[in-house]
C-alpha atoms as a PDB file:
ATOM      1  CA  MET A   1      62.034 167.543 148.094  1.00  0.00           C
ATOM      2  CA  PHE A   2      61.059 169.694 145.081  1.00  0.00           C
ATOM      3  CA  GLY A   3      57.499 170.301 146.262  1.00  0.00           C
ATOM      4  CA  PHE A   4      55.707 168.118 143.697  1.00  0.00           C
ATOM      5  CA  ALA A   5      52.429 166.642 144.970  1.00  0.00           C
ATOM      6  CA  PHE A   6      50.865 163.322 143.939  1.00  0.00           C
ATOM      7  CA  TYR A   7      47.693 161.555 145.009  1.00  0.00           C
ATOM      8  CA  ARG A   8      48.246 157.880 145.920  1.00  0.00           C
ATOM      9  CA  ASN A   9      45.363 155.404 145.874  1.00  0.00           C
ATOM     10  CA  PHE A  10      47.613 152.494 146.889  1.00  0.00           C
ATOM     11  CA  LYS A  11      49.867 151.491 149.741  1.00  0.00           C
ATOM     12  CA  TYR A  12      53.471 152.634 149.393  1.00  0.00           C
ATOM     13  CA  LYS A  13      56.780 153.327 151.060  1.00  0.00           C
ATOM     14  CA  MET A  14      58.749 156.527 150.672  1.00  0.00           C
ATOM     15  CA  VAL A  15      62.183 158.081 151.077  1.00  0.00           C
ATOM     16  CA  THR A  16      63.081 160.620 153.751  1.00  0.00           C
ATOM     17  CA  HIS A  17      62.712 163.567 151.345  1.00  0.00           C
ATOM     18  CA  ALA A  18      58.966 162.923 150.901  1.00  0.00           C
ATOM     19  CA  ARG A  19      56.091 164.081 153.096  1.00  0.00           C
ATOM     20  CA  VAL A  20      52.618 162.563 153.482  1.00  0.00           C
ATOM     21  CA  PHE A  21      49.368 164.451 153.988  1.00  0.00           C
ATOM     22  CA  THR A  22      46.486 162.316 155.211  1.00  0.00           C
ATOM     23  CA  LEU A  23      42.874 163.265 155.876  1.00  0.00           C
ATOM     24  CA  LYS A  24      41.747 159.886 157.178  1.00  0.00           C
ATOM     25  CA  THR A  25      41.624 161.101 160.800  1.00  0.00           C
ATOM     26  CA  LYS A  26      39.210 163.929 159.903  1.00  0.00           C
ATOM     27  CA  PHE A  27      37.547 163.093 156.581  1.00  0.00           C
ATOM     28  CA  LYS A  28      36.898 160.095 154.405  1.00  0.00           C
ATOM     29  CA  ILE A  29      37.607 161.185 150.840  1.00  0.00           C
ATOM     30  CA  THR A  30      37.043 159.580 147.453  1.00  0.00           C
ATOM     31  CA  GLU A  31      39.713 159.286 144.759  1.00  0.00           C
ATOM     32  CA  ASN A  32      38.250 162.235 142.840  1.00  0.00           C
ATOM     33  CA  GLN A  33      38.305 164.387 145.963  1.00  0.00           C
ATOM     34  CA  GLY A  34      41.894 163.326 146.601  1.00  0.00           C
ATOM     35  CA  LEU A  35      42.872 164.362 143.074  1.00  0.00           C
ATOM     36  CA  PHE A  36      41.184 167.738 143.526  1.00  0.00           C
ATOM     37  CA  LEU A  37      42.967 168.368 146.824  1.00  0.00           C
ATOM     38  CA  THR A  38      46.338 167.315 145.429  1.00  0.00           C
ATOM     39  CA  SER A  39      46.014 169.784 142.553  1.00  0.00           C
ATOM     40  CA  LEU A  40      45.859 172.586 145.119  1.00  0.00           C
ATOM     41  CA  PHE A  41      49.362 171.741 146.352  1.00  0.00           C
ATOM     42  CA  HIS A  42      51.092 172.253 143.006  1.00  0.00           C
ATOM     43  CA  PHE A  43      51.947 175.880 143.761  1.00  0.00           C
ATOM     44  CA  ILE A  44      54.503 174.571 146.248  1.00  0.00           C
ATOM     45  CA  ASN A  45      56.929 173.188 143.633  1.00  0.00           C
ATOM     46  CA  LYS A  46      57.486 176.642 142.161  1.00  0.00           C
ATOM     47  CA  LYS A  47      59.405 177.618 145.302  1.00  0.00           C
ATOM     48  CA  PHE A  48      61.854 174.731 145.581  1.00  0.00           C
ATOM     49  CA  GLY A  49      64.801 173.109 143.795  1.00  0.00           C
ATOM     50  CA  TYR A  50      68.186 171.533 144.447  1.00  0.00           C
ATOM     51  CA  GLU A  51      69.446 174.661 146.192  1.00  0.00           C
ATOM     52  CA  ASN A  52      66.276 175.080 148.259  1.00  0.00           C
ATOM     53  CA  MET A  53      64.638 171.763 149.073  1.00  0.00           C
ATOM     54  CA  CYS A  54      61.121 171.488 150.390  1.00  0.00           C
ATOM     55  CA  SER A  55      60.614 170.626 154.057  1.00  0.00           C
ATOM     56  CA  TRP A  56      57.693 170.586 156.459  1.00  0.00           C
ATOM     57  CA  ALA A  57      59.106 173.577 158.308  1.00  0.00           C
ATOM     58  CA  LYS A  58      59.027 175.613 155.085  1.00  0.00           C
ATOM     59  CA  ILE A  59      55.437 174.789 154.076  1.00  0.00           C
ATOM     60  CA  LYS A  60      53.555 174.145 157.334  1.00  0.00           C
ATOM     61  CA  ASN A  61      52.156 177.694 157.383  1.00  0.00           C
ATOM     62  CA  ASP A  62      51.168 177.767 153.706  1.00  0.00           C
ATOM     63  CA  LYS A  63      47.454 177.989 152.967  1.00  0.00           C
ATOM     64  CA  ILE A  64      45.246 176.591 150.222  1.00  0.00           C
ATOM     65  CA  GLN A  65      41.795 177.708 149.099  1.00  0.00           C
ATOM     66  CA  LEU A  66      38.974 175.175 149.227  1.00  0.00           C
ATOM     67  CA  PRO A  67      35.426 175.315 147.863  1.00  0.00           C
ATOM     68  CA  THR A  68      32.867 175.732 150.623  1.00  0.00           C
ATOM     69  CA  LYS A  69      29.132 175.451 151.141  1.00  0.00           C
ATOM     70  CA  ASN A  70      27.365 176.618 154.285  1.00  0.00           C
ATOM     71  CA  ASN A  71      30.787 177.375 155.807  1.00  0.00           C
ATOM     72  CA  LYS A  72      31.902 173.755 155.352  1.00  0.00           C
ATOM     73  CA  ILE A  73      34.315 172.190 152.885  1.00  0.00           C
ATOM     74  CA  ASP A  74      32.289 171.310 149.781  1.00  0.00           C
ATOM     75  CA  PHE A  75      33.480 167.795 148.989  1.00  0.00           C
ATOM     76  CA  ASP A  76      30.477 167.225 146.707  1.00  0.00           C
ATOM     77  CA  PHE A  77      31.690 170.058 144.463  1.00  0.00           C
ATOM     78  CA  MET A  78      35.168 168.503 144.298  1.00  0.00           C
ATOM     79  CA  GLU A  79      33.652 165.168 143.297  1.00  0.00           C
ATOM     80  CA  SER A  80      31.437 166.607 140.550  1.00  0.00           C
ATOM     81  CA  PHE A  81      34.177 168.916 139.266  1.00  0.00           C
ATOM     82  CA  ILE A  82      36.648 166.061 138.731  1.00  0.00           C
ATOM     83  CA  GLU A  83      33.928 163.866 137.198  1.00  0.00           C
ATOM     84  CA  GLU A  84      33.022 166.602 134.720  1.00  0.00           C
ATOM     85  CA  LEU A  85      36.681 167.290 133.924  1.00  0.00           C
ATOM     86  CA  GLU A  86      37.342 163.596 133.316  1.00  0.00           C
ATOM     87  CA  ALA A  87      34.294 163.332 131.046  1.00  0.00           C
ATOM     88  CA  GLN A  88      35.547 166.248 128.937  1.00  0.00           C
ATOM     89  CA  ARG A  89      39.008 164.739 128.627  1.00  0.00           C
ATOM     90  CA  ILE A  90      37.625 161.311 127.734  1.00  0.00           C
ATOM     91  CA  LYS A  91      35.531 162.799 124.924  1.00  0.00           C
ATOM     92  CA  LYS A  92      38.599 164.579 123.559  1.00  0.00           C
ATOM     93  CA  LEU A  93      40.624 161.375 123.829  1.00  0.00           C
ATOM     94  CA  ASP A  94      37.952 159.394 121.991  1.00  0.00           C
ATOM     95  CA  ALA A  95      37.786 162.017 119.244  1.00  0.00           C
ATOM     96  CA  TYR A  96      41.583 161.946 118.894  1.00  0.00           C
ATOM     97  CA  LEU A  97      41.650 158.145 118.669  1.00  0.00           C
ATOM     98  CA  LYS A  98      39.044 158.237 115.907  1.00  0.00           C
ATOM     99  CA  ALA A  99      40.733 161.052 113.971  1.00  0.00           C
ATOM    100  CA  SER A 100      44.101 159.288 114.210  1.00  0.00           C
ATOM    101  CA  ASN A 101      42.679 155.896 113.151  1.00  0.00           C
ATOM    102  CA  LEU A 102      43.835 154.369 116.427  1.00  0.00           C
ATOM    103  CA  LYS A 103      40.541 152.791 117.475  1.00  0.00           C
ATOM    104  CA  ASP A 104      41.305 149.524 115.704  1.00  0.00           C
ATOM    105  CA  TYR A 105      43.620 147.577 118.010  1.00  0.00           C
ATOM    106  CA  ASN A 106      42.996 144.121 116.493  1.00  0.00           C
ATOM    107  CA  LEU A 107      46.115 142.598 114.985  1.00  0.00           C
ATOM    108  CA  THR A 108      45.996 141.403 111.395  1.00  0.00           C
ATOM    109  CA  ASP A 109      47.275 137.891 110.660  1.00  0.00           C
ATOM    110  CA  LYS A 110      50.411 139.430 109.167  1.00  0.00           C
ATOM    111  CA  GLU A 111      51.033 141.603 112.226  1.00  0.00           C
ATOM    112  CA  GLN A 112      50.511 138.669 114.572  1.00  0.00           C
ATOM    113  CA  LYS A 113      52.958 136.509 112.611  1.00  0.00           C
ATOM    114  CA  VAL A 114      55.643 139.215 112.547  1.00  0.00           C
ATOM    115  CA  LEU A 115      55.175 139.824 116.274  1.00  0.00           C
ATOM    116  CA  ASP A 116      55.456 136.088 116.991  1.00  0.00           C
ATOM    117  CA  ASP A 117      58.561 135.777 114.812  1.00  0.00           C
ATOM    118  CA  PHE A 118      60.153 138.714 116.633  1.00  0.00           C
ATOM    119  CA  LYS A 119      59.461 137.174 120.040  1.00  0.00           C
ATOM    120  CA  LYS A 120      60.839 133.811 118.884  1.00  0.00           C
ATOM    121  CA  GLY A 121      64.002 135.430 117.520  1.00  0.00           C
ATOM    122  CA  ASN A 122      63.272 134.454 113.927  1.00  0.00           C
ATOM    123  CA  PHE A 123      64.402 137.745 112.371  1.00  0.00           C
ATOM    124  CA  LYS A 124      67.622 137.923 110.359  1.00  0.00           C
ATOM    125  CA  TRP A 125      69.772 140.897 111.385  1.00  0.00           C
ATOM    126  CA  ASP A 126      72.775 142.708 109.962  1.00  0.00           C
ATOM    127  CA  ASN A 127      74.811 145.867 110.559  1.00  0.00           C
ATOM    128  CA  PHE A 128      74.522 148.938 108.325  1.00  0.00           C
ATOM    129  CA  ASN A 129      76.381 152.225 108.210  1.00  0.00           C
ATOM    130  CA  LEU A 130      74.080 155.195 108.768  1.00  0.00           C
ATOM    131  CA  GLN A 131      75.641 157.394 106.083  1.00  0.00           C
ATOM    132  CA  GLN A 132      75.412 154.640 103.482  1.00  0.00           C
ATOM    133  CA  LEU A 133      71.714 154.211 104.286  1.00  0.00           C
ATOM    134  CA  PHE A 134      70.582 157.846 104.453  1.00  0.00           C
ATOM    135  CA  GLY A 135      73.426 160.045 103.239  1.00  0.00           C
ATOM    136  CA  LYS A 136      75.458 162.518 105.253  1.00  0.00           C
ATOM    137  CA  SER A 137      73.769 163.969 108.295  1.00  0.00           C
ATOM    138  CA  THR A 138      73.639 167.697 108.942  1.00  0.00           C
ATOM    139  CA  ARG A 139      73.130 169.854 111.999  1.00  0.00           C
ATOM    140  CA  GLY A 140      71.229 172.941 112.938  1.00  0.00           C
ATOM    141  CA  LYS A 141      72.514 176.389 113.768  1.00  0.00           C
ATOM    142  CA  ARG A 142      72.733 178.073 117.152  1.00  0.00           C
ATOM    143  CA  LEU A 143      69.894 180.436 117.958  1.00  0.00           C
ATOM    144  CA  LYS A 144      70.310 182.221 121.266  1.00  0.00           C
ATOM    145  CA  SER A 145      67.297 182.472 123.552  1.00  0.00           C
ATOM    146  CA  ASP A 146      67.338 186.272 123.347  1.00  0.00           C
ATOM    147  CA  ASP A 147      67.241 186.131 119.546  1.00  0.00           C
ATOM    148  CA  ARG A 148      64.271 183.773 119.296  1.00  0.00           C
ATOM    149  CA  ILE A 149      61.054 185.207 117.879  1.00  0.00           C
ATOM    150  CA  LYS A 150      57.859 183.516 119.027  1.00  0.00           C
ATOM    151  CA  GLY A 151      56.217 181.444 116.328  1.00  0.00           C
ATOM    152  CA  ASN A 152      54.859 178.017 115.419  1.00  0.00           C
ATOM    153  CA  LEU A 153      58.007 176.117 114.420  1.00  0.00           C
ATOM    154  CA  ALA A 154      59.305 173.654 116.996  1.00  0.00           C
ATOM    155  CA  PHE A 155      62.940 174.402 117.836  1.00  0.00           C
ATOM    156  CA  VAL A 156      64.885 171.334 118.961  1.00  0.00           C
ATOM    157  CA  THR A 157      67.839 171.427 121.350  1.00  0.00           C
ATOM    158  CA  ALA A 158      69.606 168.776 123.426  1.00  0.00           C
ATOM    159  CA  GLY A 159      67.734 167.140 126.292  1.00  0.00           C
ATOM    160  CA  GLU A 160      64.911 164.770 127.170  1.00  0.00           C
ATOM    161  CA  THR A 161      62.367 167.276 128.530  1.00  0.00           C
ATOM    162  CA  ASP A 162      59.550 167.874 126.010  1.00  0.00           C
ATOM    163  CA  GLU A 163      61.437 165.679 123.538  1.00  0.00           C
ATOM    164  CA  GLY A 164      64.135 168.350 123.375  1.00  0.00           C
ATOM    165  CA  ILE A 165      61.779 171.075 122.104  1.00  0.00           C
ATOM    166  CA  SER A 166      62.906 174.226 123.912  1.00  0.00           C
ATOM    167  CA  ALA A 167      60.729 176.792 122.117  1.00  0.00           C
ATOM    168  CA  PHE A 168      58.416 177.515 119.180  1.00  0.00           C
ATOM    169  CA  VAL A 169      59.977 180.128 116.947  1.00  0.00           C
ATOM    170  CA  GLY A 170      59.212 182.310 113.946  1.00  0.00           C
ATOM    171  CA  ASN A 171      62.813 183.048 112.951  1.00  0.00           C
ATOM    172  CA  ASP A 172      64.050 182.609 109.379  1.00  0.00           C
ATOM    173  CA  ILE A 173      66.007 179.399 109.967  1.00  0.00           C
ATOM    174  CA  THR A 174      66.571 176.073 108.267  1.00  0.00           C
ATOM    175  CA  ILE A 175      63.449 173.916 108.469  1.00  0.00           C
ATOM    176  CA  PHE A 176      64.093 170.194 108.668  1.00  0.00           C
ATOM    177  CA  PRO A 177      61.443 167.862 107.220  1.00  0.00           C
ATOM    178  CA  LYS A 178      59.119 165.659 109.226  1.00  0.00           C
ATOM    179  CA  ASN A 179      59.637 161.895 109.368  1.00  0.00           C
ATOM    180  CA  THR A 180      63.324 162.393 110.123  1.00  0.00           C
ATOM    181  CA  THR A 181      65.483 161.512 113.116  1.00  0.00           C
ATOM    182  CA  THR A 182      67.526 163.784 115.377  1.00  0.00           C
ATOM    183  CA  ILE A 183      70.477 162.839 117.567  1.00  0.00           C
ATOM    184  CA  ASP A 184      71.433 165.314 120.264  1.00  0.00           C
ATOM    185  CA  MET A 185      74.852 166.050 121.764  1.00  0.00           C
ATOM    186  CA  PHE A 186      74.443 163.174 124.228  1.00  0.00           C
ATOM    187  CA  GLY A 187      73.627 160.627 121.511  1.00  0.00           C
ATOM    188  CA  SER A 188      69.900 160.487 122.254  1.00  0.00           C
ATOM    189  CA  ALA A 189      67.913 159.791 119.070  1.00  0.00           C
ATOM    190  CA  LYS A 190      64.305 160.885 118.545  1.00  0.00           C
ATOM    191  CA  TYR A 191      61.817 160.494 115.732  1.00  0.00           C
ATOM    192  CA  ARG A 192      60.167 163.730 114.519  1.00  0.00           C
ATOM    193  CA  ASN A 193      56.759 163.547 112.811  1.00  0.00           C
ATOM    194  CA  TYR A 194      56.676 167.322 112.209  1.00  0.00           C
ATOM    195  CA  ASN A 195      58.786 170.014 110.549  1.00  0.00           C
ATOM    196  CA  TYR A 196      61.229 171.644 112.957  1.00  0.00           C
ATOM    197  CA  GLY A 197      64.299 173.796 113.442  1.00  0.00           C
ATOM    198  CA  ALA A 198      67.352 172.735 115.429  1.00  0.00           C
ATOM    199  CA  ASP A 199      70.431 174.179 117.071  1.00  0.00           C
ATOM    200  CA  ASP A 200      74.049 173.189 116.498  1.00  0.00           C
ATOM    201  CA  HIS A 201      73.884 170.426 119.124  1.00  0.00           C
ATOM    202  CA  ILE A 202      71.485 168.420 116.944  1.00  0.00           C
ATOM    203  CA  ALA A 203      72.430 166.041 114.121  1.00  0.00           C
ATOM    204  CA  VAL A 204      69.668 165.329 111.599  1.00  0.00           C
ATOM    205  CA  ILE A 205      69.337 161.948 109.864  1.00  0.00           C
ATOM    206  CA  TYR A 206      67.260 162.081 106.667  1.00  0.00           C
ATOM    207  CA  THR A 207      64.966 159.083 107.035  1.00  0.00           C
ATOM    208  CA  GLN A 208      62.001 160.843 105.400  1.00  0.00           C
ATOM    209  CA  ASN A 209      61.838 158.469 102.434  1.00  0.00           C
ATOM    210  CA  LEU A 210      60.881 155.635 104.775  1.00  0.00           C
ATOM    211  CA  SER A 211      57.351 154.993 105.949  1.00  0.00           C
ATOM    212  CA  LYS A 212      56.488 156.445 109.355  1.00  0.00           C
ATOM    213  CA  PHE A 213      56.687 153.114 111.186  1.00  0.00           C
ATOM    214  CA  ALA A 214      59.906 152.044 109.451  1.00  0.00           C
ATOM    215  CA  SER A 215      61.425 155.391 110.394  1.00  0.00           C
ATOM    216  CA  ILE A 216      60.370 154.903 114.024  1.00  0.00           C
ATOM    217  CA  PHE A 217      61.981 151.448 114.046  1.00  0.00           C
ATOM    218  CA  THR A 218      65.164 152.867 112.537  1.00  0.00           C
ATOM    219  CA  THR A 219      65.254 155.633 115.144  1.00  0.00           C
ATOM    220  CA  THR A 220      65.128 152.998 117.873  1.00  0.00           C
ATOM    221  CA  ALA A 221      68.048 151.165 116.257  1.00  0.00           C
ATOM    222  CA  ILE A 222      69.991 154.432 116.019  1.00  0.00           C
ATOM    223  CA  ASN A 223      69.345 155.260 119.665  1.00  0.00           C
ATOM    224  CA  LYS A 224      70.565 151.817 120.717  1.00  0.00           C
ATOM    225  CA  SER A 225      73.899 152.457 118.986  1.00  0.00           C
ATOM    226  CA  SER A 226      74.345 156.153 119.814  1.00  0.00           C
ATOM    227  CA  TYR A 227      72.932 156.582 123.326  1.00  0.00           C
ATOM    228  CA  THR A 228      75.480 154.464 125.159  1.00  0.00           C
ATOM    229  CA  GLY A 229      76.906 156.926 127.672  1.00  0.00           C
ATOM    230  CA  GLU A 230      79.944 157.614 125.493  1.00  0.00           C
ATOM    231  CA  PHE A 231      78.809 161.186 124.772  1.00  0.00           C
ATOM    232  CA  HIS A 232      78.423 163.927 127.364  1.00  0.00           C
ATOM    233  CA  TYR A 233      79.183 167.615 127.983  1.00  0.00           C
ATOM    234  CA  GLY A 234      82.893 166.935 127.613  1.00  0.00           C
ATOM    235  CA  LYS A 235      82.478 164.849 124.460  1.00  0.00           C
ATOM    236  CA  ASN A 236      79.559 165.868 122.243  1.00  0.00           C
ATOM    237  CA  PHE A 237      77.913 163.795 119.520  1.00  0.00           C
ATOM    238  CA  TYR A 238      78.369 165.471 116.115  1.00  0.00           C
ATOM    239  CA  PRO A 239      77.164 164.716 112.566  1.00  0.00           C
ATOM    240  CA  LYS A 240      80.495 163.033 111.803  1.00  0.00           C
ATOM    241  CA  ASP A 241      79.732 160.584 114.611  1.00  0.00           C
ATOM    242  CA  ALA A 242      76.361 159.868 112.998  1.00  0.00           C
ATOM    243  CA  ASP A 243      78.024 159.248 109.635  1.00  0.00           C
ATOM    244  CA  ASN A 244      80.326 156.682 111.240  1.00  0.00           C
ATOM    245  CA  LEU A 245      77.543 155.016 113.227  1.00  0.00           C
ATOM    246  CA  ASN A 246      76.592 151.410 112.509  1.00  0.00           C
ATOM    247  CA  ILE A 247      73.113 150.198 113.383  1.00  0.00           C
ATOM    248  CA  THR A 248      71.543 146.745 113.442  1.00  0.00           C
ATOM    249  CA  LEU A 249      68.399 146.142 111.360  1.00  0.00           C
ATOM    250  CA  PRO A 250      66.343 143.115 110.258  1.00  0.00           C
ATOM    251  CA  THR A 251      67.191 142.083 106.705  1.00  0.00           C
ATOM    252  CA  LYS A 252      65.897 140.383 103.590  1.00  0.00           C
ATOM    253  CA  ASN A 253      68.243 139.502 100.736  1.00  0.00           C
ATOM    254  CA  ASN A 254      71.038 141.259 102.635  1.00  0.00           C
ATOM    255  CA  GLN A 255      69.132 144.566 102.613  1.00  0.00           C
ATOM    256  CA  PRO A 256      67.170 146.308 105.395  1.00  0.00           C
ATOM    257  CA  ASN A 257      63.682 144.818 105.551  1.00  0.00           C
ATOM    258  CA  TYR A 258      61.708 148.024 106.008  1.00  0.00           C
ATOM    259  CA  LYS A 259      58.367 146.318 105.335  1.00  0.00           C
ATOM    260  CA  LEU A 260      59.016 143.983 108.242  1.00  0.00           C
ATOM    261  CA  MET A 261      59.938 146.911 110.485  1.00  0.00           C
ATOM    262  CA  GLU A 262      56.765 148.730 109.462  1.00  0.00           C
ATOM    263  CA  THR A 263      54.556 145.749 110.272  1.00  0.00           C
ATOM    264  CA  LEU A 264      56.218 145.147 113.634  1.00  0.00           C
ATOM    265  CA  ILE A 265      55.822 148.761 114.785  1.00  0.00           C
ATOM    266  CA  SER A 266      52.188 148.720 113.625  1.00  0.00           C
ATOM    267  CA  ALA A 267      51.577 145.617 115.771  1.00  0.00           C
ATOM    268  CA  ILE A 268      53.332 147.143 118.788  1.00  0.00           C
ATOM    269  CA  GLN A 269      51.329 150.362 118.446  1.00  0.00           C
ATOM    270  CA  LYS A 270      48.078 148.411 118.467  1.00  0.00           C
ATOM    271  CA  GLN A 271      49.142 146.530 121.594  1.00  0.00           C
ATOM    272  CA  VAL A 272      50.093 149.761 123.352  1.00  0.00           C
ATOM    273  CA  ILE A 273      46.917 151.614 122.385  1.00  0.00           C
ATOM    274  CA  LYS A 274      44.549 148.742 123.204  1.00  0.00           C
ATOM    275  CA  ASP A 275      44.251 149.536 126.929  1.00  0.00           C
ATOM    276  CA  VAL A 276      43.726 153.228 126.150  1.00  0.00           C
ATOM    277  CA  VAL A 277      40.895 152.458 123.720  1.00  0.00           C
ATOM    278  CA  LEU A 278      39.239 150.034 126.141  1.00  0.00           C
ATOM    279  CA  TYR A 279      39.545 152.564 128.992  1.00  0.00           C
ATOM    280  CA  SER A 280      38.003 155.295 126.841  1.00  0.00           C
ATOM    281  CA  ASP A 281      35.166 153.049 125.641  1.00  0.00           C
ATOM    282  CA  ASN A 282      34.460 151.883 129.184  1.00  0.00           C
ATOM    283  CA  LYS A 283      34.228 155.432 130.480  1.00  0.00           C
ATOM    284  CA  LEU A 284      31.903 156.382 127.638  1.00  0.00           C
ATOM    285  CA  GLY A 285      29.760 153.311 128.261  1.00  0.00           C
ATOM    286  CA  LYS A 286      30.425 151.785 124.837  1.00  0.00           C
END
């Protein structure tokens, strides 16, 4: 209903607001050709929204441009274009995996044990007050859209789109350190692995003294306690709410076991990245 187009290489059902384009009565296309054709429909979504929903009557006379050869649709070009594009992206992905030290997806004995203990419910847990763990939280300052100067600093506002980053600014504002956690006005917590600015709807939790993986684990625990549906436009989440927040963490000797958290997140990351590495290696013929 918003005009977004997707290629489907599987059988499916759909709601009444969706429309299906099929070429099977005229052409037999490959998956790559289907992806190429679908990309040509993306201009449609720029015209529609909640107030103006897409319908067949509104788009049936729209036209798309196709590559041709000898006055016929050049499906061979579509195929080779997508193949070349995929090859470029796979090379970039492989380079990123290497640069980020993500190629190694084999679990260490320690990671496997921690993962097994987690699945078996062998962790000891306890509740901790957020302020007692990380000190008082703070919040950003409002920066109106018209006052924003383009720059390289991520500016965080409330919302899920783009992790809440609404702009990149060059204004002289407070810069919050990387490896910290933000909680927006709805209670949604996010880990930030970069320096950033934030508006007054963002509470900042100073977890930067933790390791990256321990901080990510802690952010998940914060989100579980804060993002409960209690906070909304009529009742915003503020730093004082963060200071009063209690979170549940694994413990050792009655203290948060950050080493355990770090190992568990490392194991989970390897499990998540494994399929990506294997896909990349397969495409590159490794």
